[in-house]
């Protein structure tokens, strides 16, 4: 009985310290050459963020070792490009955003 009590206590403690599931939010308004705030929840820092141009299926940018739950990205893709975000945490959880399209802007200085 004592062994069962120790096991139950250990399992309860492990559950209490488990990370929340990693979720990345899809940006609602990504505009060419303007900052876009990318946010996520859960997981265990550090995080690695990857930005993929769905048109080419190639990861175009990688931002490793992010500590918080947000990142401001200089949206350096031309208007019309279809993008998705992938994020990985230090415990190998992965989350993927929904697809979003870069919106037009008169500013093209970042391209």
PDB file of N, CA and C in Angstrom:
ATOM      1  N   UNK A   1       0.823  -1.193   0.000  1.00  0.00           N
ATOM      2  CA  UNK A   1       0.000   0.000   0.000  1.00  0.00           C
ATOM      3  C   UNK A   1       0.865   1.253   0.000  1.00  0.00           C
ATOM      4  N   UNK A   2       1.986   1.181   0.753  1.00  0.00           N
ATOM      5  CA  UNK A   2       2.872   2.342   0.826  1.00  0.00           C
ATOM      6  C   UNK A   2       3.452   2.671  -0.557  1.00  0.00           C
ATOM      7  N   UNK A   3       3.795   1.635  -1.343  1.00  0.00           N
ATOM      8  CA  UNK A   3       4.331   1.841  -2.687  1.00  0.00           C
ATOM      9  C   UNK A   3       3.288   2.516  -3.588  1.00  0.00           C
ATOM     10  N   UNK A   4       2.034   2.094  -3.473  1.00  0.00           N
ATOM     11  CA  UNK A   4       0.975   2.706  -4.258  1.00  0.00           C
ATOM     12  C   UNK A   4       0.812   4.184  -3.904  1.00  0.00           C
ATOM     13  N   UNK A   5       0.923   4.521  -2.627  1.00  0.00           N
ATOM     14  CA  UNK A   5       0.815   5.907  -2.184  1.00  0.00           C
ATOM     15  C   UNK A   5       1.954   6.746  -2.748  1.00  0.00           C
ATOM     16  N   UNK A   6       3.164   6.220  -2.738  1.00  0.00           N
ATOM     17  CA  UNK A   6       4.329   6.936  -3.284  1.00  0.00           C
ATOM     18  C   UNK A   6       4.155   7.133  -4.791  1.00  0.00           C
ATOM     19  N   UNK A   7       3.717   6.081  -5.500  1.00  0.00           N
ATOM     20  CA  UNK A   7       3.504   6.190  -6.943  1.00  0.00           C
ATOM     21  C   UNK A   7       2.437   7.227  -7.258  1.00  0.00           C
ATOM     22  N   UNK A   8       1.341   7.207  -6.528  1.00  0.00           N
ATOM     23  CA  UNK A   8       0.266   8.171  -6.754  1.00  0.00           C
ATOM     24  C   UNK A   8       0.741   9.595  -6.511  1.00  0.00           C
ATOM     25  N   UNK A   9       1.511   9.808  -5.462  1.00  0.00           N
ATOM     26  CA  UNK A   9       2.039  11.147  -5.169  1.00  0.00           C
ATOM     27  C   UNK A   9       2.978  11.609  -6.281  1.00  0.00           C
ATOM     28  N   UNK A  10       3.837  10.713  -6.755  1.00  0.00           N
ATOM     29  CA  UNK A  10       4.774  11.063  -7.830  1.00  0.00           C
ATOM     30  C   UNK A  10       4.028  11.377  -9.126  1.00  0.00           C
ATOM     31  N   UNK A  11       3.013  10.597  -9.451  1.00  0.00           N
ATOM     32  CA  UNK A  11       2.237  10.830 -10.670  1.00  0.00           C
ATOM     33  C   UNK A  11       1.479  12.149 -10.580  1.00  0.00           C
ATOM     34  N   UNK A  12       0.948  12.455  -9.425  1.00  0.00           N
ATOM     35  CA  UNK A  12       0.232  13.716  -9.230  1.00  0.00           C
ATOM     36  C   UNK A  12       1.184  14.896  -9.383  1.00  0.00           C
ATOM     37  N   UNK A  13       2.373  14.798  -8.819  1.00  0.00           N
ATOM     38  CA  UNK A  13       3.363  15.874  -8.934  1.00  0.00           C
ATOM     39  C   UNK A  13       3.802  16.060 -10.379  1.00  0.00           C
ATOM     40  N   UNK A  14       4.006  14.979 -11.100  1.00  0.00           N
ATOM     41  CA  UNK A  14       4.413  15.073 -12.507  1.00  0.00           C
ATOM     42  C   UNK A  14       3.318  15.737 -13.331  1.00  0.00           C
ATOM     43  N   UNK A  15       2.071  15.402 -13.068  1.00  0.00           N
ATOM     44  CA  UNK A  15       0.966  16.013 -13.792  1.00  0.00           C
ATOM     45  C   UNK A  15       0.882  17.511 -13.514  1.00  0.00           C
ATOM     46  N   UNK A  16       1.123  17.894 -12.265  1.00  0.00           N
ATOM     47  CA  UNK A  16       1.042  19.307 -11.884  1.00  0.00           C
ATOM     48  C   UNK A  16       2.098  20.148 -12.595  1.00  0.00           C
ATOM     49  N   UNK A  17       3.250  19.554 -12.900  1.00  0.00           N
ATOM     50  CA  UNK A  17       4.335  20.304 -13.528  1.00  0.00           C
ATOM     51  C   UNK A  17       4.377  20.136 -15.050  1.00  0.00           C
ATOM     52  N   UNK A  18       3.475  19.357 -15.609  1.00  0.00           N
ATOM     53  CA  UNK A  18       3.458  19.165 -17.058  1.00  0.00           C
ATOM     54  C   UNK A  18       3.079  20.478 -17.743  1.00  0.00           C
ATOM     55  N   UNK A  19       3.664  20.713 -18.890  1.00  0.00           N
ATOM     56  CA  UNK A  19       3.390  21.955 -19.629  1.00  0.00           C
ATOM     57  C   UNK A  19       2.007  21.896 -20.268  1.00  0.00           C
ATOM     58  N   UNK A  20       1.400  23.056 -20.382  1.00  0.00           N
ATOM     59  CA  UNK A  20       0.150  23.151 -21.131  1.00  0.00           C
ATOM     60  C   UNK A  20       0.448  22.873 -22.594  1.00  0.00           C
ATOM     61  N   UNK A  21      -0.534  22.393 -23.338  1.00  0.00           N
ATOM     62  CA  UNK A  21      -0.312  22.147 -24.771  1.00  0.00           C
ATOM     63  C   UNK A  21       0.122  23.430 -25.478  1.00  0.00           C
ATOM     64  N   UNK A  22       1.008  23.283 -26.434  1.00  0.00           N
ATOM     65  CA  UNK A  22       1.507  24.420 -27.202  1.00  0.00           C
ATOM     66  C   UNK A  22       0.501  24.776 -28.288  1.00  0.00           C
ATOM     67  N   UNK A  23       0.111  26.051 -28.339  1.00  0.00           N
ATOM     68  CA  UNK A  23      -0.838  26.562 -29.336  1.00  0.00           C
ATOM     69  C   UNK A  23      -0.281  27.873 -29.883  1.00  0.00           C
ATOM     70  N   UNK A  24      -0.246  28.000 -31.214  1.00  0.00           N
ATOM     71  CA  UNK A  24       0.164  29.264 -31.821  1.00  0.00           C
ATOM     72  C   UNK A  24      -1.060  29.907 -32.475  1.00  0.00           C
ATOM     73  N   UNK A  25      -1.187  31.193 -32.280  1.00  0.00           N
ATOM     74  CA  UNK A  25      -2.338  31.928 -32.810  1.00  0.00           C
ATOM     75  C   UNK A  25      -2.045  32.425 -34.228  1.00  0.00           C
ATOM     76  N   UNK A  26      -3.035  32.351 -35.086  1.00  0.00           N
ATOM     77  CA  UNK A  26      -2.892  32.828 -36.456  1.00  0.00           C
ATOM     78  C   UNK A  26      -3.027  34.349 -36.469  1.00  0.00           C
ATOM     79  N   UNK A  27      -2.037  35.061 -36.991  1.00  0.00           N
ATOM     80  CA  UNK A  27      -2.146  36.522 -37.057  1.00  0.00           C
ATOM     81  C   UNK A  27      -3.390  36.950 -37.843  1.00  0.00           C
ATOM     82  N   UNK A  28      -4.063  37.957 -37.340  1.00  0.00           N
ATOM     83  CA  UNK A  28      -5.301  38.389 -37.985  1.00  0.00           C
ATOM     84  C   UNK A  28      -5.077  39.428 -39.080  1.00  0.00           C
ATOM     85  N   UNK A  29      -3.925  40.114 -39.041  1.00  0.00           N
ATOM     86  CA  UNK A  29      -3.712  41.172 -40.021  1.00  0.00           C
ATOM     87  C   UNK A  29      -2.219  41.369 -40.264  1.00  0.00           C
ATOM     88  N   UNK A  30      -1.638  40.524 -41.100  1.00  0.00           N
ATOM     89  CA  UNK A  30      -0.225  40.652 -41.450  1.00  0.00           C
ATOM     90  C   UNK A  30      -0.120  41.503 -42.711  1.00  0.00           C
ATOM     91  N   UNK A  31       0.565  42.643 -42.587  1.00  0.00           N
ATOM     92  CA  UNK A  31       0.645  43.609 -43.687  1.00  0.00           C
ATOM     93  C   UNK A  31       2.101  43.738 -44.131  1.00  0.00           C
ATOM     94  N   UNK A  32       2.311  43.727 -45.430  1.00  0.00           N
ATOM     95  CA  UNK A  32       3.641  43.858 -46.026  1.00  0.00           C
ATOM     96  C   UNK A  32       4.410  45.032 -45.409  1.00  0.00           C
ATOM     97  N   UNK A  33       5.617  44.750 -44.926  1.00  0.00           N
ATOM     98  CA  UNK A  33       6.552  45.744 -44.380  1.00  0.00           C
ATOM     99  C   UNK A  33       6.066  46.428 -43.095  1.00  0.00           C
ATOM    100  N   UNK A  34       5.111  45.830 -42.411  1.00  0.00           N
ATOM    101  CA  UNK A  34       4.667  46.338 -41.116  1.00  0.00           C
ATOM    102  C   UNK A  34       4.874  45.255 -40.065  1.00  0.00           C
ATOM    103  N   UNK A  35       5.107  45.634 -38.815  1.00  0.00           N
ATOM    104  CA  UNK A  35       5.290  44.635 -37.761  1.00  0.00           C
ATOM    105  C   UNK A  35       4.023  43.808 -37.543  1.00  0.00           C
ATOM    106  N   UNK A  36       4.211  42.511 -37.372  1.00  0.00           N
ATOM    107  CA  UNK A  36       3.121  41.591 -37.059  1.00  0.00           C
ATOM    108  C   UNK A  36       3.449  40.909 -35.741  1.00  0.00           C
ATOM    109  N   UNK A  37       2.549  41.015 -34.778  1.00  0.00           N
ATOM    110  CA  UNK A  37       2.754  40.358 -33.491  1.00  0.00           C
ATOM    111  C   UNK A  37       2.277  38.912 -33.595  1.00  0.00           C
ATOM    112  N   UNK A  38       3.177  37.985 -33.295  1.00  0.00           N
ATOM    113  CA  UNK A  38       2.881  36.552 -33.299  1.00  0.00           C
ATOM    114  C   UNK A  38       2.842  36.110 -31.835  1.00  0.00           C
ATOM    115  N   UNK A  39       1.780  35.421 -31.452  1.00  0.00           N
ATOM    116  CA  UNK A  39       1.637  34.989 -30.061  1.00  0.00           C
ATOM    117  C   UNK A  39       1.351  33.494 -29.985  1.00  0.00           C
ATOM    118  N   UNK A  40       1.713  32.913 -28.850  1.00  0.00           N
ATOM    119  CA  UNK A  40       1.448  31.501 -28.595  1.00  0.00           C
ATOM    120  C   UNK A  40       1.240  31.301 -27.108  1.00  0.00           C
ATOM    121  N   UNK A  41       0.740  30.126 -26.765  1.00  0.00           N
ATOM    122  CA  UNK A  41       0.446  29.772 -25.384  1.00  0.00           C
ATOM    123  C   UNK A  41       0.977  28.380 -25.097  1.00  0.00           C
ATOM    124  N   UNK A  42       1.249  28.126 -23.813  1.00  0.00           N
ATOM    125  CA  UNK A  42       1.652  26.795 -23.386  1.00  0.00           C
ATOM    126  C   UNK A  42       3.070  26.462 -23.776  1.00  0.00           C
ATOM    127  N   UNK A  43       3.385  25.187 -23.676  1.00  0.00           N
ATOM    128  CA  UNK A  43       4.716  24.727 -24.015  1.00  0.00           C
ATOM    129  C   UNK A  43       5.755  25.122 -22.981  1.00  0.00           C
ATOM    130  N   UNK A  44       7.009  24.810 -23.299  1.00  0.00           N
ATOM    131  CA  UNK A  44       8.141  25.059 -22.409  1.00  0.00           C
ATOM    132  C   UNK A  44       9.218  25.802 -23.188  1.00  0.00           C
ATOM    133  N   UNK A  45       9.608  26.978 -22.702  1.00  0.00           N
ATOM    134  CA  UNK A  45      10.668  27.762 -23.358  1.00  0.00           C
ATOM    135  C   UNK A  45      11.997  27.017 -23.281  1.00  0.00           C
ATOM    136  N   UNK A  46      12.903  27.290 -24.192  1.00  0.00           N
ATOM    137  CA  UNK A  46      12.820  28.228 -25.307  1.00  0.00           C
ATOM    138  C   UNK A  46      12.023  27.646 -26.481  1.00  0.00           C
ATOM    139  N   UNK A  47      11.571  28.557 -27.347  1.00  0.00           N
ATOM    140  CA  UNK A  47      10.759  28.199 -28.503  1.00  0.00           C
ATOM    141  C   UNK A  47      11.537  28.495 -29.784  1.00  0.00           C
ATOM    142  N   UNK A  48      11.250  27.730 -30.826  1.00  0.00           N
ATOM    143  CA  UNK A  48      11.823  27.958 -32.151  1.00  0.00           C
ATOM    144  C   UNK A  48      10.667  28.187 -33.117  1.00  0.00           C
ATOM    145  N   UNK A  49      10.668  29.361 -33.743  1.00  0.00           N
ATOM    146  CA  UNK A  49       9.589  29.775 -34.633  1.00  0.00           C
ATOM    147  C   UNK A  49      10.067  29.714 -36.080  1.00  0.00           C
ATOM    148  N   UNK A  50       9.237  29.138 -36.951  1.00  0.00           N
ATOM    149  CA  UNK A  50       9.562  29.019 -38.372  1.00  0.00           C
ATOM    150  C   UNK A  50       8.432  29.626 -39.195  1.00  0.00           C
ATOM    151  N   UNK A  51       8.800  30.446 -40.179  1.00  0.00           N
ATOM    152  CA  UNK A  51       7.836  31.094 -41.059  1.00  0.00           C
ATOM    153  C   UNK A  51       8.014  30.500 -42.454  1.00  0.00           C
ATOM    154  N   UNK A  52       6.917  29.915 -42.962  1.00  0.00           N
ATOM    155  CA  UNK A  52       6.964  29.215 -44.243  1.00  0.00           C
ATOM    156  C   UNK A  52       6.081  29.906 -45.266  1.00  0.00           C
ATOM    157  N   UNK A  53       6.653  30.123 -46.449  1.00  0.00           N
ATOM    158  CA  UNK A  53       5.892  30.618 -47.586  1.00  0.00           C
ATOM    159  C   UNK A  53       5.234  29.395 -48.220  1.00  0.00           C
ATOM    160  N   UNK A  54       3.930  29.280 -48.061  1.00  0.00           N
ATOM    161  CA  UNK A  54       3.209  28.103 -48.534  1.00  0.00           C
ATOM    162  C   UNK A  54       3.293  27.990 -50.052  1.00  0.00           C
ATOM    163  N   UNK A  55       3.451  29.111 -50.732  1.00  0.00           N
ATOM    164  CA  UNK A  55       3.567  29.122 -52.193  1.00  0.00           C
ATOM    165  C   UNK A  55       4.733  28.249 -52.650  1.00  0.00           C
ATOM    166  N   UNK A  56       5.845  28.293 -51.916  1.00  0.00           N
ATOM    167  CA  UNK A  56       7.036  27.517 -52.284  1.00  0.00           C
ATOM    168  C   UNK A  56       7.276  26.318 -51.361  1.00  0.00           C
ATOM    169  N   UNK A  57       6.538  26.243 -50.253  1.00  0.00           N
ATOM    170  CA  UNK A  57       6.716  25.191 -49.237  1.00  0.00           C
ATOM    171  C   UNK A  57       8.111  25.197 -48.633  1.00  0.00           C
ATOM    172  N   UNK A  58       8.732  26.366 -48.598  1.00  0.00           N
ATOM    173  CA  UNK A  58      10.085  26.490 -48.049  1.00  0.00           C
ATOM    174  C   UNK A  58      10.035  27.382 -46.815  1.00  0.00           C
ATOM    175  N   UNK A  59      10.722  26.920 -45.764  1.00  0.00           N
ATOM    176  CA  UNK A  59      10.861  27.766 -44.574  1.00  0.00           C
ATOM    177  C   UNK A  59      11.727  28.954 -44.970  1.00  0.00           C
ATOM    178  N   UNK A  60      11.181  30.146 -44.867  1.00  0.00           N
ATOM    179  CA  UNK A  60      11.889  31.346 -45.291  1.00  0.00           C
ATOM    180  C   UNK A  60      12.642  32.018 -44.151  1.00  0.00           C
ATOM    181  N   UNK A  61      12.129  31.854 -42.925  1.00  0.00           N
ATOM    182  CA  UNK A  61      12.780  32.491 -41.779  1.00  0.00           C
ATOM    183  C   UNK A  61      12.663  31.587 -40.569  1.00  0.00           C
ATOM    184  N   UNK A  62      13.697  31.629 -39.730  1.00  0.00           N
ATOM    185  CA  UNK A  62      13.703  30.867 -38.480  1.00  0.00           C
ATOM    186  C   UNK A  62      14.178  31.786 -37.363  1.00  0.00           C
ATOM    187  N   UNK A  63      13.490  31.712 -36.246  1.00  0.00           N
ATOM    188  CA  UNK A  63      13.822  32.518 -35.081  1.00  0.00           C
ATOM    189  C   UNK A  63      13.981  31.573 -33.893  1.00  0.00           C
ATOM    190  N   UNK A  64      15.219  31.203 -33.562  1.00  0.00           N
ATOM    191  CA  UNK A  64      15.448  30.223 -32.491  1.00  0.00           C
ATOM    192  C   UNK A  64      15.512  30.872 -31.106  1.00  0.00           C
ATOM    193  N   UNK A  65      15.339  30.025 -30.115  1.00  0.00           N
ATOM    194  CA  UNK A  65      15.572  30.374 -28.708  1.00  0.00           C
ATOM    195  C   UNK A  65      14.762  31.575 -28.221  1.00  0.00           C
ATOM    196  N   UNK A  66      13.478  31.614 -28.573  1.00  0.00           N
ATOM    197  CA  UNK A  66      12.612  32.674 -28.077  1.00  0.00           C
ATOM    198  C   UNK A  66      12.156  32.325 -26.665  1.00  0.00           C
ATOM    199  N   UNK A  67      12.163  33.304 -25.783  1.00  0.00           N
ATOM    200  CA  UNK A  67      11.897  33.033 -24.375  1.00  0.00           C
ATOM    201  C   UNK A  67      10.460  33.276 -23.946  1.00  0.00           C
ATOM    202  N   UNK A  68       9.787  34.251 -24.524  1.00  0.00           N
ATOM    203  CA  UNK A  68       8.453  34.616 -24.068  1.00  0.00           C
ATOM    204  C   UNK A  68       7.365  33.912 -24.844  1.00  0.00           C
ATOM    205  N   UNK A  69       6.181  34.515 -24.858  1.00  0.00           N
ATOM    206  CA  UNK A  69       5.040  33.969 -25.581  1.00  0.00           C
ATOM    207  C   UNK A  69       4.590  34.882 -26.717  1.00  0.00           C
ATOM    208  N   UNK A  70       5.514  35.747 -27.173  1.00  0.00           N
ATOM    209  CA  UNK A  70       5.197  36.576 -28.332  1.00  0.00           C
ATOM    210  C   UNK A  70       6.484  36.994 -29.029  1.00  0.00           C
ATOM    211  N   UNK A  71       6.310  37.379 -30.278  1.00  0.00           N
ATOM    212  CA  UNK A  71       7.435  37.813 -31.107  1.00  0.00           C
ATOM    213  C   UNK A  71       6.872  38.789 -32.134  1.00  0.00           C
ATOM    214  N   UNK A  72       7.567  39.891 -32.352  1.00  0.00           N
ATOM    215  CA  UNK A  72       7.144  40.847 -33.373  1.00  0.00           C
ATOM    216  C   UNK A  72       8.007  40.635 -34.612  1.00  0.00           C
ATOM    217  N   UNK A  73       7.342  40.283 -35.685  1.00  0.00           N
ATOM    218  CA  UNK A  73       7.988  39.952 -36.957  1.00  0.00           C
ATOM    219  C   UNK A  73       7.845  41.118 -37.919  1.00  0.00           C
ATOM    220  N   UNK A  74       8.970  41.537 -38.530  1.00  0.00           N
ATOM    221  CA  UNK A  74       8.907  42.520 -39.602  1.00  0.00           C
ATOM    222  C   UNK A  74       8.428  41.770 -40.842  1.00  0.00           C
ATOM    223  N   UNK A  75       7.226  41.983 -41.236  1.00  0.00           N
ATOM    224  CA  UNK A  75       6.575  41.206 -42.290  1.00  0.00           C
ATOM    225  C   UNK A  75       7.213  41.519 -43.637  1.00  0.00           C
ATOM    226  N   UNK A  76       8.270  40.780 -43.937  1.00  0.00           N
ATOM    227  CA  UNK A  76       9.080  41.055 -45.122  1.00  0.00           C
ATOM    228  C   UNK A  76       8.746  40.127 -46.296  1.00  0.00           C
ATOM    229  N   UNK A  77       7.465  39.874 -46.474  1.00  0.00           N
ATOM    230  CA  UNK A  77       6.968  39.121 -47.623  1.00  0.00           C
ATOM    231  C   UNK A  77       6.059  40.044 -48.424  1.00  0.00           C
ATOM    232  N   UNK A  78       6.034  39.897 -49.741  1.00  0.00           N
ATOM    233  CA  UNK A  78       5.144  40.729 -50.547  1.00  0.00           C
ATOM    234  C   UNK A  78       3.677  40.356 -50.323  1.00  0.00           C
ATOM    235  N   UNK A  79       2.826  41.322 -50.547  1.00  0.00           N
ATOM    236  CA  UNK A  79       1.388  41.095 -50.450  1.00  0.00           C
ATOM    237  C   UNK A  79       0.976  39.926 -51.338  1.00  0.00           C
ATOM    238  N   UNK A  80       0.007  39.169 -50.855  1.00  0.00           N
ATOM    239  CA  UNK A  80      -0.515  38.044 -51.621  1.00  0.00           C
ATOM    240  C   UNK A  80       0.099  36.709 -51.273  1.00  0.00           C
ATOM    241  N   UNK A  81       1.250  36.696 -50.589  1.00  0.00           N
ATOM    242  CA  UNK A  81       1.867  35.424 -50.241  1.00  0.00           C
ATOM    243  C   UNK A  81       1.087  34.748 -49.128  1.00  0.00           C
ATOM    244  N   UNK A  82       0.925  33.445 -49.269  1.00  0.00           N
ATOM    245  CA  UNK A  82       0.232  32.624 -48.277  1.00  0.00           C
ATOM    246  C   UNK A  82       1.282  32.072 -47.314  1.00  0.00           C
ATOM    247  N   UNK A  83       1.069  32.293 -46.012  1.00  0.00           N
ATOM    248  CA  UNK A  83       2.075  31.994 -44.986  1.00  0.00           C
ATOM    249  C   UNK A  83       1.489  31.075 -43.930  1.00  0.00           C
ATOM    250  N   UNK A  84       2.349  30.247 -43.335  1.00  0.00           N
ATOM    251  CA  UNK A  84       1.967  29.581 -42.099  1.00  0.00           C
ATOM    252  C   UNK A  84       3.143  29.595 -41.140  1.00  0.00           C
ATOM    253  N   UNK A  85       2.837  29.441 -39.869  1.00  0.00           N
ATOM    254  CA  UNK A  85       3.825  29.484 -38.794  1.00  0.00           C
ATOM    255  C   UNK A  85       3.894  28.127 -38.119  1.00  0.00           C
ATOM    256  N   UNK A  86       5.102  27.701 -37.789  1.00  0.00           N
ATOM    257  CA  UNK A  86       5.314  26.500 -36.982  1.00  0.00           C
ATOM    258  C   UNK A  86       6.167  26.894 -35.797  1.00  0.00           C
ATOM    259  N   UNK A  87       5.833  26.355 -34.645  1.00  0.00           N
ATOM    260  CA  UNK A  87       6.629  26.626 -33.451  1.00  0.00           C
ATOM    261  C   UNK A  87       6.879  25.312 -32.728  1.00  0.00           C
ATOM    262  N   UNK A  88       8.089  25.177 -32.209  1.00  0.00           N
ATOM    263  CA  UNK A  88       8.488  24.007 -31.433  1.00  0.00           C
ATOM    264  C   UNK A  88       8.982  24.492 -30.083  1.00  0.00           C
ATOM    265  N   UNK A  89       8.688  23.734 -29.032  1.00  0.00           N
ATOM    266  CA  UNK A  89       9.208  24.102 -27.716  1.00  0.00           C
ATOM    267  C   UNK A  89      10.335  23.155 -27.330  1.00  0.00           C
ATOM    268  N   UNK A  90      10.899  23.359 -26.150  1.00  0.00           N
ATOM    269  CA  UNK A  90      12.055  22.571 -25.712  1.00  0.00           C
ATOM    270  C   UNK A  90      11.689  21.133 -25.348  1.00  0.00           C
ATOM    271  N   UNK A  91      10.393  20.835 -25.236  1.00  0.00           N
ATOM    272  CA  UNK A  91       9.987  19.452 -24.960  1.00  0.00           C
ATOM    273  C   UNK A  91       9.508  18.753 -26.228  1.00  0.00           C
ATOM    274  N   UNK A  92       9.797  19.342 -27.396  1.00  0.00           N
ATOM    275  CA  UNK A  92       9.489  18.787 -28.716  1.00  0.00           C
ATOM    276  C   UNK A  92       8.011  18.844 -29.073  1.00  0.00           C
ATOM    277  N   UNK A  93       7.228  19.658 -28.359  1.00  0.00           N
ATOM    278  CA  UNK A  93       5.855  19.900 -28.798  1.00  0.00           C
ATOM    279  C   UNK A  93       5.908  20.798 -30.031  1.00  0.00           C
ATOM    280  N   UNK A  94       4.957  20.613 -30.932  1.00  0.00           N
ATOM    281  CA  UNK A  94       4.857  21.442 -32.140  1.00  0.00           C
ATOM    282  C   UNK A  94       3.449  21.988 -32.261  1.00  0.00           C
ATOM    283  N   UNK A  95       3.354  23.203 -32.762  1.00  0.00           N
ATOM    284  CA  UNK A  95       2.055  23.797 -33.076  1.00  0.00           C
ATOM    285  C   UNK A  95       2.173  24.515 -34.415  1.00  0.00           C
ATOM    286  N   UNK A  96       1.098  24.503 -35.175  1.00  0.00           N
ATOM    287  CA  UNK A  96       1.055  25.129 -36.488  1.00  0.00           C
ATOM    288  C   UNK A  96      -0.125  26.092 -36.541  1.00  0.00           C
ATOM    289  N   UNK A  97       0.111  27.265 -37.102  1.00  0.00           N
ATOM    290  CA  UNK A  97      -0.967  28.240 -37.245  1.00  0.00           C
ATOM    291  C   UNK A  97      -1.852  27.861 -38.420  1.00  0.00           C
ATOM    292  N   UNK A  98      -2.961  28.565 -38.520  1.00  0.00           N
ATOM    293  CA  UNK A  98      -3.745  28.497 -39.741  1.00  0.00           C
ATOM    294  C   UNK A  98      -3.029  29.284 -40.829  1.00  0.00           C
ATOM    295  N   UNK A  99      -3.444  29.104 -42.049  1.00  0.00           N
ATOM    296  CA  UNK A  99      -2.849  29.854 -43.157  1.00  0.00           C
ATOM    297  C   UNK A  99      -3.357  31.289 -43.139  1.00  0.00           C
ATOM    298  N   UNK A 100      -2.482  32.220 -43.531  1.00  0.00           N
ATOM    299  CA  UNK A 100      -2.900  33.616 -43.645  1.00  0.00           C
ATOM    300  C   UNK A 100      -2.173  34.258 -44.813  1.00  0.00           C
ATOM    301  N   UNK A 101      -2.801  35.291 -45.366  1.00  0.00           N
ATOM    302  CA  UNK A 101      -2.271  35.974 -46.540  1.00  0.00           C
ATOM    303  C   UNK A 101      -1.724  37.338 -46.148  1.00  0.00           C
ATOM    304  N   UNK A 102      -0.546  37.663 -46.657  1.00  0.00           N
ATOM    305  CA  UNK A 102       0.048  38.983 -46.420  1.00  0.00           C
ATOM    306  C   UNK A 102      -0.774  40.026 -47.175  1.00  0.00           C
ATOM    307  N   UNK A 103      -1.150  41.072 -46.455  1.00  0.00           N
ATOM    308  CA  UNK A 103      -1.980  42.137 -47.025  1.00  0.00           C
ATOM    309  C   UNK A 103      -1.099  43.214 -47.674  1.00  0.00           C
ATOM    310  N   UNK A 104      -1.675  43.947 -48.586  1.00  0.00           N
ATOM    311  CA  UNK A 104      -0.955  44.972 -49.335  1.00  0.00           C
ATOM    312  C   UNK A 104      -0.675  46.207 -48.488  1.00  0.00           C
ATOM    313  N   UNK A 105       0.394  46.904 -48.878  1.00  0.00           N
ATOM    314  CA  UNK A 105       0.796  48.145 -48.225  1.00  0.00           C
ATOM    315  C   UNK A 105       1.537  48.994 -49.255  1.00  0.00           C
ATOM    316  N   UNK A 106       1.451  50.303 -49.146  1.00  0.00           N
ATOM    317  CA  UNK A 106       2.234  51.158 -50.057  1.00  0.00           C
ATOM    318  C   UNK A 106       3.735  51.094 -49.773  1.00  0.00           C
ATOM    319  N   UNK A 107       4.090  50.582 -48.591  1.00  0.00           N
ATOM    320  CA  UNK A 107       5.494  50.475 -48.192  1.00  0.00           C
ATOM    321  C   UNK A 107       6.078  49.171 -48.732  1.00  0.00           C
ATOM    322  N   UNK A 108       7.120  49.264 -49.530  1.00  0.00           N
ATOM    323  CA  UNK A 108       7.809  48.071 -50.045  1.00  0.00           C
ATOM    324  C   UNK A 108       9.292  48.109 -49.667  1.00  0.00           C
ATOM    325  N   UNK A 109       9.661  48.933 -48.700  1.00  0.00           N
ATOM    326  CA  UNK A 109      11.062  49.128 -48.341  1.00  0.00           C
ATOM    327  C   UNK A 109      11.721  47.882 -47.748  1.00  0.00           C
ATOM    328  N   UNK A 110      10.940  46.932 -47.240  1.00  0.00           N
ATOM    329  CA  UNK A 110      11.512  45.751 -46.581  1.00  0.00           C
ATOM    330  C   UNK A 110      11.724  44.593 -47.553  1.00  0.00           C
ATOM    331  N   UNK A 111      11.269  44.744 -48.777  1.00  0.00           N
ATOM    332  CA  UNK A 111      11.300  43.625 -49.731  1.00  0.00           C
ATOM    333  C   UNK A 111      12.617  43.561 -50.469  1.00  0.00           C
TER     334      UNK A 111
END
